[in-house]
Every structure is written in C-alpha cells, then in structure tokens.
Amino acid sequence: MEFKKSRFLHFVRSSRLFRILTDLIHKITGPLSKLLNDIESNYNDHSAIKMTLIGLFRLRIAICLSVVLVMICAACFFVMQNDSEASAQMSLNYEESAKGLNPNSTRFNTYELKSPEVVEKMLYYCGIDPETVDMDNLINSISISPTNSKGFSPDNYYIATSYKVSIKKPADIKEANADDLLAFLCKAYTDIFYSRYADNRSILDFDVEEFDDKEFLLVADLLELKAQQQSKYLNTRVKQSKTFTDGSSDDTFKSLAEAVEDFRNYDIESYRSYVLQTGIAHNKAHYTGVLDYLNLTNKIKYDKDIASYTVRYDGISLYNEAMISIVMIPTIDREKQNYYMSKTKTGMDYMASQADNFLATAQETAKKIETNSDILAKIQAGKNSDAAVKKAYKMIDDMQIKFSEMSRRIESIDKAYVKYKTKDYVTFQMKGMSLMQKIRPDLLIMLAFVLVVGAFGALWIRFKYFAGGGKR
C-alpha cells in the first residue's frame, strides 16, 4: 500500500513538473509564433526571403541576447577546457641534435618524454601515487610534435630540434592542474636526460662488494684498476675546470684527483705489501697453480719476442751502416711547382723499429715473470695465520669504506658539474595563455555567425514551407 502511494505521489509530481515546463515553453514560443503570424498576414504578398529579413529585424533584440548568452556559455567552456591543457616548447641546444642524436651520440627519441619512467617520476614530483592513476590514459594525454612542419618531411630530410609538448589533465587527477603536470613532466625528463645522455659516467660505477671472496692480492689489483680509471676521469675534468665545486663541500676535481692518488700510493700499496709479506691466500694450491700457468705463458711469449728481435737484429747487422740511413729522393711540390729532395725511410729502418718493439715487449714480459715468481715464492712460504687473515680483512673493510666515500664525493661533484655544463642542452619554454587566448575569440565569432545564419535559415524555412498563405 505504501509502495503504491509513493509511486502515485511521484507520478503527480512528475505531471506537475511537465505542465510547468510546457507552460514555460508556450510562454516563450507564444509571442514568437504570434510575431511570425503577424508578419505572414501583413506581408503575404512578399517573398519568403523578404519576410525572413523582416522577421530578423523584428527579432533583432532577442537574437542578439540569445547569441550573447550562447557566446558567454561557450567562452566559459573554452576557458575550462584550456585550463585542463598546458603546452611548452622543448628546444635541443647541442651540436649532435641536428643529427638526431643525444649528446653522447646515441639515437634521440622524442617519445621517451612520455615513457612510463618519465611519467612516473613526474607523478612523484607532484606527490601523486602512480598506483592511483591510469598510466595508459595519462601517457596518451601527452602529445609531442615538431614546431616546424618539415619535421617529418621525407623530401627535405629535416631533423627537428624544437618540439611542442602538450598535456591534457586526466579526470582522475585532482591533486595538480595541467600547468603543474607539465612543469614536473619537463623536470622529470630533464633529470633523466642529463643523467643518461649528457655524459658517460659509467666509469664511476663500481660495486666494492663484488671482490669480497676474491684472492687477497686480486682485491688490490681490482681496486688499483678502478682507482686508475677514476684518476684518468678526474684528470680530464681538471683540464675542464680546476676550481668547480658543487656548493655542498670544498671538493674540487683537482683535490679529488689527489685523494685518489693518495689512495693508490698509500692504502692499496700498504695492503699489497702486507699480503706479500705474510703470504696469505684463500687457496694457496689454486693460486700458485694460476701463477705457474701465467709464468709458463709469459715465458713462451718472452722467447717468441726475443727470437723475433734476434732475427731482425742479425738481419740489420749484415748491411753496411750507410745502407740503413735515410735516403734522399727528388720530389715535386705541385703547389709551388718546384723540385726538392725528400727524406724517406728504407726497409732497414722499419726492421730496426720492429726489433726495438719486440725487445721492449720482451723486457716487460720478463718483469711480469719476475714479479709473479716473487709472489709465488712468498705465497708458498707464507702461512695463513688467523691474525694475518683478520688484519687483511680489516684493511679491506677500511679500503672499502674509504673508496665508497671517495666515489660518493666524486659522483656528487661530477653530477653538479654535468648539470652546470649542460644546463642549456634541453630547455623548456612554458606557453601560458592569456584570458583572451583562452576564450578563443575566433571560435566565438564563428559561433555567432553560425547562430545568425541558423536563425535566418529557420525563419526562411518557416515562411517558405510552413506559411499558410505564403508562397510555396
């Protein structure tokens, strides 16, 4: 019973609302119909176009008010739409960009700007959890296009270095507006671009934990190798800037290069000397076997180089000294059109150079054999006492801590220097829109014209086809 009563009340309310809307439409269209009927009665002998023009004149105030009201609503819609969209111009300002490359000569890809990695970093900058956002929809809301129309022309082979980047704010993002999203998108891409393509700093990446289980002497060799690489890298930076600092410390490339050299000359060498002095090794049999094999291969190489040197030296000694010297041959200078005597080397000179190279290589191999033999003797004579092994591990731990801290300082100043040096590699210019640009006056004028034309067309159809006494 209650259910039927509620449905009845709902029906009564709906009927009343329908009658009110019907009465309102009649009140609005009633005067309009009366006006059109009066025009039809008074000007029945005129053409439909003339009566249409008369109707437009009579309804000029109503039409103007309607057009203004529609334009205001459209302007509000355009403003809301433009507030949900932002754009910026991205410029590539380095030499390799004209070849379609990154600064490190890898292939440049514009669509990396809308990659999941960049978009996720943008959301973190905005303070938005990526798990709460439809990533595919957000990525699709980002568009990239060359600012020059020749960017994809197969005829001109033009490589664009300037792009328009736009983003439309998805409906599921409430925490930031379109301008914030675009600004943080540019920042996220810039950070990734500099860290990945501005300079190759892979030489600075080194996991000090990776040699924990290696032989004691091999630890020294690995640290020495990495320290040499760092030293070369820092010396290159010193040539570029001796006094640059990252602002957080007094470190410079020069001071860090000196710290690396101290680490090599004191810490590593002290550790190496201690290991050789005590003769400790994780697996003496295996390590001595490796050293024996190295000496065997080095001895073969040494004998081969000495034999090559002896053959060339004996061949040279068979000739007179005068035959070995340089030879003067007549030569013409085509630019000055004159002759001169040019010096050239003989075959004996090349043979002598080869002999010197073989001798130098043999001497280096002999030093390696001598070093390995000395290590072999000390390892075989040494004993793995607990105290010696414990101290060696303590020295390794100390070197790990010192090397890690030194690497952190190098990476910190190097990142700051790369950012300083390449700050103009990629630039973004935000394109803010004024209120006049947001309301799109060109579209509003077109809309007003369409409304007036529509009113004219509606009146013409009324008088042409629906007039009681009008012309058919």
Protein backbone atom coordinates (compact mmCIF):
# COMPACT_ATOMS: atom_id res chain seq x y z
CA MET A 1 0.00 0.00 0.00
CA GLU A 2 2.79 2.38 0.93
CA PHE A 3 4.62 1.48 -2.27
CA LYS A 4 1.58 2.32 -4.43
CA LYS A 5 1.12 5.59 -2.55
CA SER A 6 4.75 6.65 -3.13
CA ARG A 7 4.50 5.82 -6.84
CA PHE A 8 1.32 7.85 -7.08
CA LEU A 9 2.95 10.86 -5.41
CA HIS A 10 5.95 10.55 -7.75
CA PHE A 11 3.60 10.48 -10.76
CA VAL A 12 1.74 13.58 -9.51
CA ARG A 13 5.00 15.49 -9.02
CA SER A 14 6.29 14.49 -12.48
CA SER A 15 3.00 15.58 -14.07
CA ARG A 16 3.18 18.96 -12.37
CA LEU A 17 6.78 19.47 -13.50
CA PHE A 18 5.86 18.52 -17.06
CA ARG A 19 2.96 21.01 -17.06
CA ILE A 20 5.22 23.76 -15.72
CA LEU A 21 7.82 23.14 -18.43
CA THR A 22 5.08 23.03 -21.09
CA ASP A 23 3.63 26.31 -19.87
CA LEU A 24 7.09 27.88 -19.87
CA ILE A 25 7.74 26.78 -23.47
CA HIS A 26 4.36 28.14 -24.52
CA LYS A 27 5.10 31.46 -22.85
CA ILE A 28 8.42 31.69 -24.71
CA THR A 29 7.26 30.46 -28.10
CA GLY A 30 3.80 32.07 -27.95
CA PRO A 31 4.95 35.65 -28.65
CA LEU A 32 7.37 34.33 -31.27
CA SER A 33 4.58 32.44 -33.09
CA LYS A 34 2.28 35.50 -32.88
CA LEU A 35 5.01 37.70 -34.32
CA LEU A 36 5.64 35.32 -37.20
CA ASN A 37 1.93 35.01 -37.91
CA ASP A 38 1.57 38.82 -37.95
CA ILE A 39 4.44 39.09 -40.43
CA GLU A 40 2.85 36.40 -42.58
CA SER A 41 -0.54 38.20 -42.53
CA ASN A 42 0.79 41.69 -43.21
CA TYR A 43 3.42 40.75 -45.80
CA ASN A 44 1.82 37.78 -47.51
CA ASP A 45 2.47 39.26 -50.92
CA HIS A 46 6.23 39.38 -50.30
CA SER A 47 8.77 36.62 -50.95
CA ALA A 48 9.98 34.29 -48.21
CA ILE A 49 13.39 35.99 -48.15
CA LYS A 50 11.85 39.44 -47.61
CA MET A 51 9.64 38.15 -44.82
CA THR A 52 12.69 36.42 -43.31
CA LEU A 53 14.63 39.71 -43.27
CA ILE A 54 11.64 41.46 -41.69
CA GLY A 55 11.46 38.70 -39.07
CA LEU A 56 15.16 39.06 -38.32
CA PHE A 57 14.73 42.81 -37.87
CA ARG A 58 11.74 42.34 -35.56
CA LEU A 59 13.63 39.70 -33.53
CA ARG A 60 16.96 41.51 -33.52
CA ILE A 61 16.98 42.09 -29.76
CA ALA A 62 16.00 38.52 -28.90
CA ILE A 63 18.52 37.10 -31.39
CA CYS A 64 21.31 39.34 -30.10
CA LEU A 65 20.57 38.41 -26.49
CA SER A 66 20.50 34.72 -27.43
CA VAL A 67 23.80 35.00 -29.32
CA VAL A 68 25.44 36.83 -26.41
CA LEU A 69 24.18 34.23 -23.93
CA VAL A 70 25.45 31.35 -26.07
CA MET A 71 28.81 33.07 -26.59
CA ILE A 72 29.19 33.60 -22.83
CA CYS A 73 28.48 29.93 -22.19
CA ALA A 74 30.90 28.91 -24.97
CA ALA A 75 33.61 31.25 -23.62
CA CYS A 76 33.27 29.68 -20.17
CA PHE A 77 33.56 26.23 -21.74
CA PHE A 78 36.69 27.22 -23.69
CA VAL A 79 38.30 28.68 -20.56
CA MET A 80 37.60 25.49 -18.59
CA GLN A 81 38.92 23.38 -21.45
CA ASN A 82 42.14 25.40 -21.78
CA ASP A 83 42.69 25.28 -18.02
CA SER A 84 42.83 21.49 -18.33
CA GLU A 85 45.52 21.66 -21.03
CA ALA A 86 49.03 23.12 -21.00
CA SER A 87 51.84 23.24 -23.55
CA ALA A 88 55.53 24.13 -23.73
CA GLN A 89 58.23 24.33 -26.37
CA MET A 90 61.18 21.98 -25.97
CA SER A 91 64.44 23.04 -27.63
CA LEU A 92 67.56 20.90 -28.13
CA ASN A 93 70.63 23.15 -27.99
CA TYR A 94 73.61 20.87 -28.59
CA GLU A 95 75.54 20.08 -31.75
CA GLU A 96 74.50 16.41 -32.07
CA SER A 97 70.78 17.28 -32.04
CA ALA A 98 70.95 18.37 -35.70
CA LYS A 99 71.92 14.76 -36.49
CA GLY A 100 69.07 13.26 -34.48
CA LEU A 101 71.43 12.19 -31.67
CA ASN A 102 71.81 12.67 -27.94
CA PRO A 103 74.93 14.41 -26.57
CA ASN A 104 76.62 11.02 -26.09
CA SER A 105 75.92 10.15 -29.77
CA THR A 106 73.11 7.67 -29.05
CA ARG A 107 69.88 7.88 -31.06
CA PHE A 108 67.50 10.61 -29.84
CA ASN A 109 63.88 9.53 -29.35
CA THR A 110 61.27 12.24 -28.75
CA TYR A 111 58.71 9.78 -27.41
CA GLU A 112 60.97 8.95 -24.49
CA LEU A 113 59.48 12.09 -22.94
CA LYS A 114 56.20 10.20 -22.46
CA SER A 115 57.80 6.94 -21.38
CA PRO A 116 56.49 5.25 -18.20
CA GLU A 117 59.74 6.06 -16.39
CA VAL A 118 59.42 9.81 -17.04
CA VAL A 119 55.67 9.91 -16.30
CA GLU A 120 56.11 8.01 -13.06
CA LYS A 121 58.85 10.40 -11.96
CA MET A 122 56.52 13.31 -12.82
CA LEU A 123 53.80 11.87 -10.56
CA TYR A 124 56.27 11.50 -7.69
CA TYR A 125 57.25 15.16 -8.09
CA CYS A 126 53.55 16.07 -7.94
CA GLY A 127 53.08 13.98 -4.80
CA ILE A 128 50.72 11.56 -6.57
CA ASP A 129 50.85 7.81 -6.08
CA PRO A 130 51.22 6.18 -9.55
CA GLU A 131 49.07 3.28 -8.35
CA THR A 132 46.05 5.61 -8.15
CA VAL A 133 46.38 6.83 -11.75
CA ASP A 134 45.54 5.18 -15.06
CA MET A 135 49.04 5.30 -16.53
CA ASP A 136 48.00 4.43 -20.08
CA ASN A 137 45.41 7.22 -20.13
CA LEU A 138 47.93 9.69 -18.68
CA ILE A 139 50.60 8.73 -21.24
CA ASN A 140 48.07 9.10 -24.07
CA SER A 141 47.20 12.59 -22.80
CA ILE A 142 50.77 13.74 -23.59
CA SER A 143 51.44 14.79 -27.19
CA ILE A 144 54.73 15.74 -28.89
CA SER A 145 55.06 17.33 -32.33
CA PRO A 146 57.81 19.26 -34.17
CA THR A 147 57.28 23.01 -34.20
CA ASN A 148 58.48 23.04 -37.80
CA SER A 149 56.14 21.38 -40.29
CA LYS A 150 59.16 19.92 -42.13
CA GLY A 151 59.95 17.72 -39.15
CA PHE A 152 58.68 14.53 -40.81
CA SER A 153 59.19 15.50 -44.45
CA PRO A 154 60.81 12.65 -46.41
CA ASP A 155 61.75 15.07 -49.19
CA ASN A 156 63.70 17.63 -47.15
CA TYR A 157 65.30 15.20 -44.68
CA TYR A 158 64.86 17.83 -42.00
CA ILE A 159 65.63 16.82 -38.40
CA ALA A 160 63.64 18.89 -35.93
CA THR A 161 65.39 20.31 -32.87
CA SER A 162 62.32 22.05 -31.44
CA TYR A 163 59.10 20.37 -30.35
CA LYS A 164 55.74 21.32 -28.89
CA VAL A 165 54.89 19.32 -25.78
CA SER A 166 51.26 19.32 -24.59
CA ILE A 167 49.40 17.57 -21.81
CA LYS A 168 45.69 17.29 -21.02
CA LYS A 169 44.89 16.76 -17.37
CA PRO A 170 43.05 13.44 -16.93
CA ALA A 171 39.84 13.47 -14.93
CA ASP A 172 41.24 11.07 -12.29
CA ILE A 173 43.98 13.52 -11.22
CA LYS A 174 42.69 16.01 -8.67
CA GLU A 175 45.90 16.95 -6.82
CA ALA A 176 47.51 19.04 -9.63
CA ASN A 177 46.42 21.21 -12.55
CA ALA A 178 47.66 20.94 -16.13
CA ASP A 179 50.39 23.57 -15.65
CA ASP A 180 51.84 21.69 -12.65
CA LEU A 181 51.76 18.38 -14.50
CA LEU A 182 53.56 19.88 -17.50
CA ALA A 183 56.19 21.64 -15.36
CA PHE A 184 57.02 18.45 -13.46
CA LEU A 185 56.96 16.42 -16.69
CA CYS A 186 59.64 18.73 -18.11
CA LYS A 187 61.68 18.47 -14.89
CA ALA A 188 61.43 14.67 -14.82
CA TYR A 189 62.55 14.35 -18.44
CA THR A 190 65.39 16.84 -17.95
CA ASP A 191 66.73 14.93 -14.93
CA ILE A 192 66.66 11.60 -16.77
CA PHE A 193 68.10 13.13 -19.96
CA TYR A 194 71.10 14.64 -18.15
CA SER A 195 71.81 11.53 -16.08
CA ARG A 196 71.54 9.18 -19.06
CA TYR A 197 72.79 11.06 -22.12
CA ALA A 198 74.72 14.19 -21.12
CA ASP A 199 77.93 12.37 -20.18
CA ASN A 200 79.04 8.78 -19.89
CA ARG A 201 79.83 8.35 -16.20
CA SER A 202 79.65 4.56 -16.18
CA ILE A 203 83.34 4.54 -15.30
CA LEU A 204 82.38 5.88 -11.87
CA ASP A 205 80.01 2.98 -11.16
CA PHE A 206 81.71 0.26 -9.16
CA ASP A 207 80.38 -2.17 -6.56
CA VAL A 208 83.04 -2.52 -3.90
CA GLU A 209 81.29 -5.61 -2.54
CA GLU A 210 81.95 -7.63 -5.69
CA PHE A 211 85.51 -8.68 -4.64
CA ASP A 212 84.80 -9.89 -1.09
CA ASP A 213 85.55 -13.54 -1.87
CA LYS A 214 88.43 -12.96 -4.28
CA GLU A 215 92.08 -13.64 -3.54
CA PHE A 216 93.74 -11.08 -1.33
CA LEU A 217 96.17 -9.86 -3.99
CA LEU A 218 93.42 -9.75 -6.63
CA VAL A 219 91.49 -7.31 -4.40
CA ALA A 220 94.44 -4.94 -4.60
CA ASP A 221 94.59 -5.34 -8.40
CA LEU A 222 90.87 -4.60 -8.81
CA LEU A 223 91.00 -1.53 -6.59
CA GLU A 224 94.12 -0.33 -8.38
CA LEU A 225 92.41 -0.72 -11.76
CA LYS A 226 89.32 1.19 -10.65
CA ALA A 227 91.39 3.91 -9.00
CA GLN A 228 93.37 4.33 -12.23
CA GLN A 229 90.13 4.79 -14.17
CA GLN A 230 88.88 7.36 -11.68
CA SER A 231 92.21 9.16 -11.81
CA LYS A 232 92.09 9.45 -15.62
CA TYR A 233 88.48 10.67 -15.47
CA LEU A 234 89.25 13.27 -12.82
CA ASN A 235 92.36 14.49 -14.67
CA THR A 236 90.17 15.07 -17.73
CA ARG A 237 87.76 17.09 -15.56
CA VAL A 238 90.70 19.05 -14.09
CA LYS A 239 91.57 20.24 -17.60
CA GLN A 240 87.98 21.49 -17.97
CA SER A 241 87.68 23.15 -14.56
CA LYS A 242 90.13 23.17 -11.67
CA THR A 243 88.07 25.20 -9.19
CA PHE A 244 84.49 23.98 -9.70
CA THR A 245 82.64 22.86 -6.54
CA ASP A 246 79.12 21.51 -6.06
CA GLY A 247 78.36 24.04 -3.33
CA SER A 248 77.91 21.43 -0.59
CA SER A 249 81.65 20.93 0.07
CA ASP A 250 85.07 22.33 -0.79
CA ASP A 251 85.90 19.37 -3.05
CA THR A 252 87.30 20.16 -6.49
CA PHE A 253 88.29 17.80 -9.28
CA LYS A 254 91.93 18.54 -8.50
CA SER A 255 91.63 17.78 -4.79
CA LEU A 256 89.73 14.57 -5.51
CA ALA A 257 92.34 13.52 -8.08
CA GLU A 258 94.99 13.97 -5.40
CA ALA A 259 92.88 11.93 -2.96
CA VAL A 260 92.65 9.08 -5.48
CA GLU A 261 96.41 9.14 -5.99
CA ASP A 262 96.94 9.01 -2.21
CA PHE A 263 94.58 6.04 -2.04
CA ARG A 264 96.58 4.26 -4.74
CA ASN A 265 100.02 5.07 -3.37
CA TYR A 266 99.36 4.50 0.33
CA ASP A 267 96.24 2.46 1.08
CA ILE A 268 96.42 -0.04 -1.79
CA GLU A 269 100.22 -0.36 -1.72
CA SER A 270 100.25 -0.81 2.06
CA TYR A 271 97.68 -3.57 1.74
CA ARG A 272 99.57 -5.21 -1.14
CA SER A 273 102.85 -5.12 0.79
CA TYR A 274 101.21 -6.67 3.85
CA VAL A 275 99.68 -9.52 1.82
CA LEU A 276 103.03 -10.24 0.15
CA GLN A 277 104.85 -10.02 3.46
CA THR A 278 102.56 -12.53 5.18
CA GLY A 279 101.99 -14.69 2.05
CA ILE A 280 98.28 -15.26 2.83
CA ALA A 281 95.88 -16.65 0.24
CA HIS A 282 92.39 -18.18 0.26
CA ASN A 283 93.51 -21.21 -1.75
CA LYS A 284 97.28 -21.49 -1.99
CA ALA A 285 97.30 -24.51 -4.31
CA HIS A 286 94.90 -22.93 -6.79
CA TYR A 287 96.56 -19.51 -6.68
CA THR A 288 100.10 -20.86 -7.09
CA GLY A 289 98.86 -23.01 -9.98
CA VAL A 290 97.48 -19.91 -11.67
CA LEU A 291 100.78 -18.08 -11.19
CA ASP A 292 102.74 -21.06 -12.59
CA TYR A 293 100.50 -21.09 -15.66
CA LEU A 294 100.92 -17.33 -16.13
CA ASN A 295 104.68 -17.65 -15.94
CA LEU A 296 104.59 -20.51 -18.46
CA THR A 297 102.59 -18.50 -21.00
CA ASN A 298 104.70 -15.40 -20.35
CA LYS A 299 107.89 -17.42 -20.87
CA ILE A 300 106.58 -18.61 -24.25
CA LYS A 301 105.72 -15.05 -25.21
CA TYR A 302 109.13 -13.83 -23.99
CA ASP A 303 111.00 -16.44 -26.05
CA LYS A 304 108.94 -15.56 -29.13
CA ASP A 305 109.63 -11.81 -28.80
CA ILE A 306 113.35 -12.40 -28.20
CA ALA A 307 113.52 -14.65 -31.26
CA SER A 308 111.77 -12.01 -33.39
CA TYR A 309 114.16 -9.35 -32.07
CA THR A 310 117.25 -11.55 -32.76
CA VAL A 311 116.22 -12.29 -36.35
CA ARG A 312 115.76 -8.60 -37.16
CA TYR A 313 118.91 -7.55 -35.32
CA ASP A 314 121.03 -10.14 -37.16
CA GLY A 315 119.47 -9.10 -40.48
CA ILE A 316 120.29 -5.46 -39.92
CA SER A 317 123.89 -6.22 -38.94
CA LEU A 318 124.50 -7.83 -42.35
CA TYR A 319 124.19 -4.47 -44.10
CA ASN A 320 126.54 -1.56 -44.15
CA GLU A 321 125.64 1.31 -41.81
CA ALA A 322 125.36 3.66 -44.78
CA MET A 323 122.64 1.47 -46.29
CA ILE A 324 120.50 1.76 -43.16
CA SER A 325 120.33 5.55 -43.04
CA ILE A 326 117.67 7.72 -44.66
CA VAL A 327 117.51 8.09 -48.45
CA MET A 328 117.12 11.41 -50.29
CA ILE A 329 114.80 11.24 -53.29
CA PRO A 330 113.79 14.03 -55.72
CA THR A 331 110.19 15.18 -55.21
CA ILE A 332 107.97 17.82 -56.86
CA ASP A 333 105.90 20.36 -54.95
CA ARG A 334 102.75 20.71 -57.10
CA GLU A 335 101.63 23.93 -55.42
CA LYS A 336 104.94 25.79 -55.80
CA GLN A 337 105.92 23.89 -58.95
CA ASN A 338 109.48 23.20 -57.84
CA TYR A 339 111.65 20.20 -57.01
CA TYR A 340 113.18 19.36 -53.63
CA MET A 341 114.99 16.42 -52.04
CA SER A 342 112.67 14.45 -49.71
CA LYS A 343 113.78 12.16 -46.88
CA THR A 344 112.30 8.67 -46.79
CA LYS A 345 112.88 5.59 -44.69
CA THR A 346 114.32 2.38 -46.04
CA GLY A 347 113.25 -1.17 -45.24
CA MET A 348 116.07 -1.39 -42.73
CA ASP A 349 114.57 1.46 -40.73
CA TYR A 350 111.26 -0.39 -40.40
CA MET A 351 113.13 -3.56 -39.42
CA ALA A 352 115.02 -1.68 -36.73
CA SER A 353 111.80 -0.20 -35.36
CA GLN A 354 110.21 -3.66 -35.21
CA ALA A 355 113.28 -5.02 -33.42
CA ASP A 356 113.04 -2.26 -30.78
CA ASN A 357 109.34 -3.02 -30.22
CA PHE A 358 109.94 -6.74 -29.79
CA LEU A 359 112.77 -6.05 -27.34
CA ALA A 360 110.63 -3.64 -25.28
CA THR A 361 107.76 -6.16 -25.15
CA ALA A 362 110.13 -8.93 -24.11
CA GLN A 363 111.54 -6.78 -21.30
CA GLU A 364 108.02 -6.05 -19.99
CA THR A 365 107.17 -9.75 -20.07
CA ALA A 366 110.39 -10.53 -18.18
CA LYS A 367 109.34 -8.09 -15.44
CA LYS A 368 105.95 -9.83 -15.15
CA ILE A 369 107.66 -13.20 -14.86
CA GLU A 370 109.96 -11.85 -12.16
CA THR A 371 107.05 -10.31 -10.23
CA ASN A 372 104.95 -13.46 -10.44
CA SER A 373 107.91 -15.58 -9.33
CA ASP A 374 108.44 -13.34 -6.32
CA ILE A 375 104.72 -13.55 -5.40
CA LEU A 376 104.78 -17.32 -5.92
CA ALA A 377 107.72 -17.74 -3.58
CA LYS A 378 106.16 -15.60 -0.84
CA ILE A 379 102.76 -17.30 -1.10
CA GLN A 380 104.36 -20.74 -0.86
CA ALA A 381 106.47 -19.70 2.13
CA GLY A 382 103.68 -17.85 3.96
CA LYS A 383 101.19 -19.24 6.45
CA ASN A 384 97.53 -18.29 6.77
CA SER A 385 97.62 -17.32 10.41
CA ASP A 386 94.33 -16.14 11.89
CA ALA A 387 95.85 -12.84 12.94
CA ALA A 388 97.21 -12.12 9.46
CA VAL A 389 93.93 -13.02 7.72
CA LYS A 390 91.93 -10.98 10.23
CA LYS A 391 94.14 -7.94 9.72
CA ALA A 392 93.90 -8.30 5.93
CA TYR A 393 90.10 -8.31 6.12
CA LYS A 394 90.25 -5.27 8.39
CA MET A 395 92.38 -3.46 5.81
CA ILE A 396 89.93 -4.47 3.05
CA ASP A 397 86.99 -3.10 5.07
CA ASP A 398 88.84 0.17 5.65
CA MET A 399 89.62 0.48 1.94
CA GLN A 400 86.00 -0.27 1.04
CA ILE A 401 84.72 2.46 3.32
CA LYS A 402 87.29 4.95 2.08
CA PHE A 403 86.75 4.06 -1.57
CA SER A 404 82.95 4.26 -1.23
CA GLU A 405 83.14 7.68 0.41
CA MET A 406 85.59 8.91 -2.19
CA SER A 407 83.37 7.61 -5.01
CA ARG A 408 80.34 9.34 -3.47
CA ARG A 409 82.20 12.66 -3.38
CA ILE A 410 83.36 12.22 -6.99
CA GLU A 411 79.84 11.38 -8.17
CA SER A 412 78.35 14.34 -6.29
CA ILE A 413 80.66 16.96 -7.80
CA ASP A 414 80.54 15.31 -11.23
CA LYS A 415 76.73 15.36 -11.33
CA ALA A 416 76.75 19.01 -10.32
CA TYR A 417 79.33 19.83 -12.98
CA VAL A 418 77.43 17.98 -15.71
CA LYS A 419 74.25 19.82 -14.76
CA TYR A 420 76.12 23.14 -14.78
CA LYS A 421 77.87 22.44 -18.07
CA THR A 422 74.79 21.11 -19.87
CA LYS A 423 72.10 23.32 -18.34
CA ASP A 424 71.10 24.58 -21.80
CA TYR A 425 71.21 21.24 -23.59
CA VAL A 426 67.44 20.86 -23.21
CA THR A 427 65.27 23.88 -22.45
CA PHE A 428 61.52 24.19 -21.98
CA GLN A 429 59.58 27.40 -22.51
CA MET A 430 56.15 27.27 -20.90
CA LYS A 431 53.44 28.79 -23.07
CA GLY A 432 51.00 30.46 -20.68
CA MET A 433 47.72 31.65 -22.25
CA SER A 434 46.05 34.98 -21.52
CA LEU A 435 42.31 35.20 -20.84
CA MET A 436 41.71 36.46 -24.37
CA GLN A 437 43.54 33.45 -25.79
CA LYS A 438 41.63 31.06 -23.54
CA ILE A 439 38.17 32.26 -24.62
CA ARG A 440 39.11 31.68 -28.29
CA PRO A 441 37.60 34.83 -29.89
CA ASP A 442 37.99 33.34 -33.37
CA LEU A 443 35.73 30.43 -32.47
CA LEU A 444 33.26 32.73 -30.71
CA ILE A 445 32.93 34.93 -33.81
CA MET A 446 32.44 31.83 -35.94
CA LEU A 447 29.83 30.55 -33.47
CA ALA A 448 27.95 33.88 -33.55
CA PHE A 449 27.94 33.81 -37.34
CA VAL A 450 26.61 30.24 -37.33
CA LEU A 451 23.81 31.24 -34.91
CA VAL A 452 22.74 34.20 -37.04
CA VAL A 453 22.82 32.07 -40.19
CA GLY A 454 20.87 29.40 -38.33
CA ALA A 455 18.23 31.94 -37.26
CA PHE A 456 17.96 33.18 -40.86
CA GLY A 457 17.63 29.63 -42.15
CA ALA A 458 14.98 28.73 -39.58
CA LEU A 459 12.86 31.80 -40.42
CA TRP A 460 13.23 31.22 -44.15
CA ILE A 461 12.08 27.61 -43.79
CA ARG A 462 9.15 28.84 -41.67
CA PHE A 463 7.95 31.34 -44.26
CA LYS A 464 8.84 29.21 -47.27
CA TYR A 465 7.31 25.87 -46.33
CA PHE A 466 5.10 26.33 -43.26
CA ALA A 467 3.29 29.66 -44.01
CA GLY A 468 -0.48 29.36 -44.51
CA GLY A 469 -0.68 31.89 -47.29
CA GLY A 470 2.95 32.20 -48.20
CA LYS A 471 4.44 31.22 -51.48
CA ARG A 472 5.26 27.56 -51.89
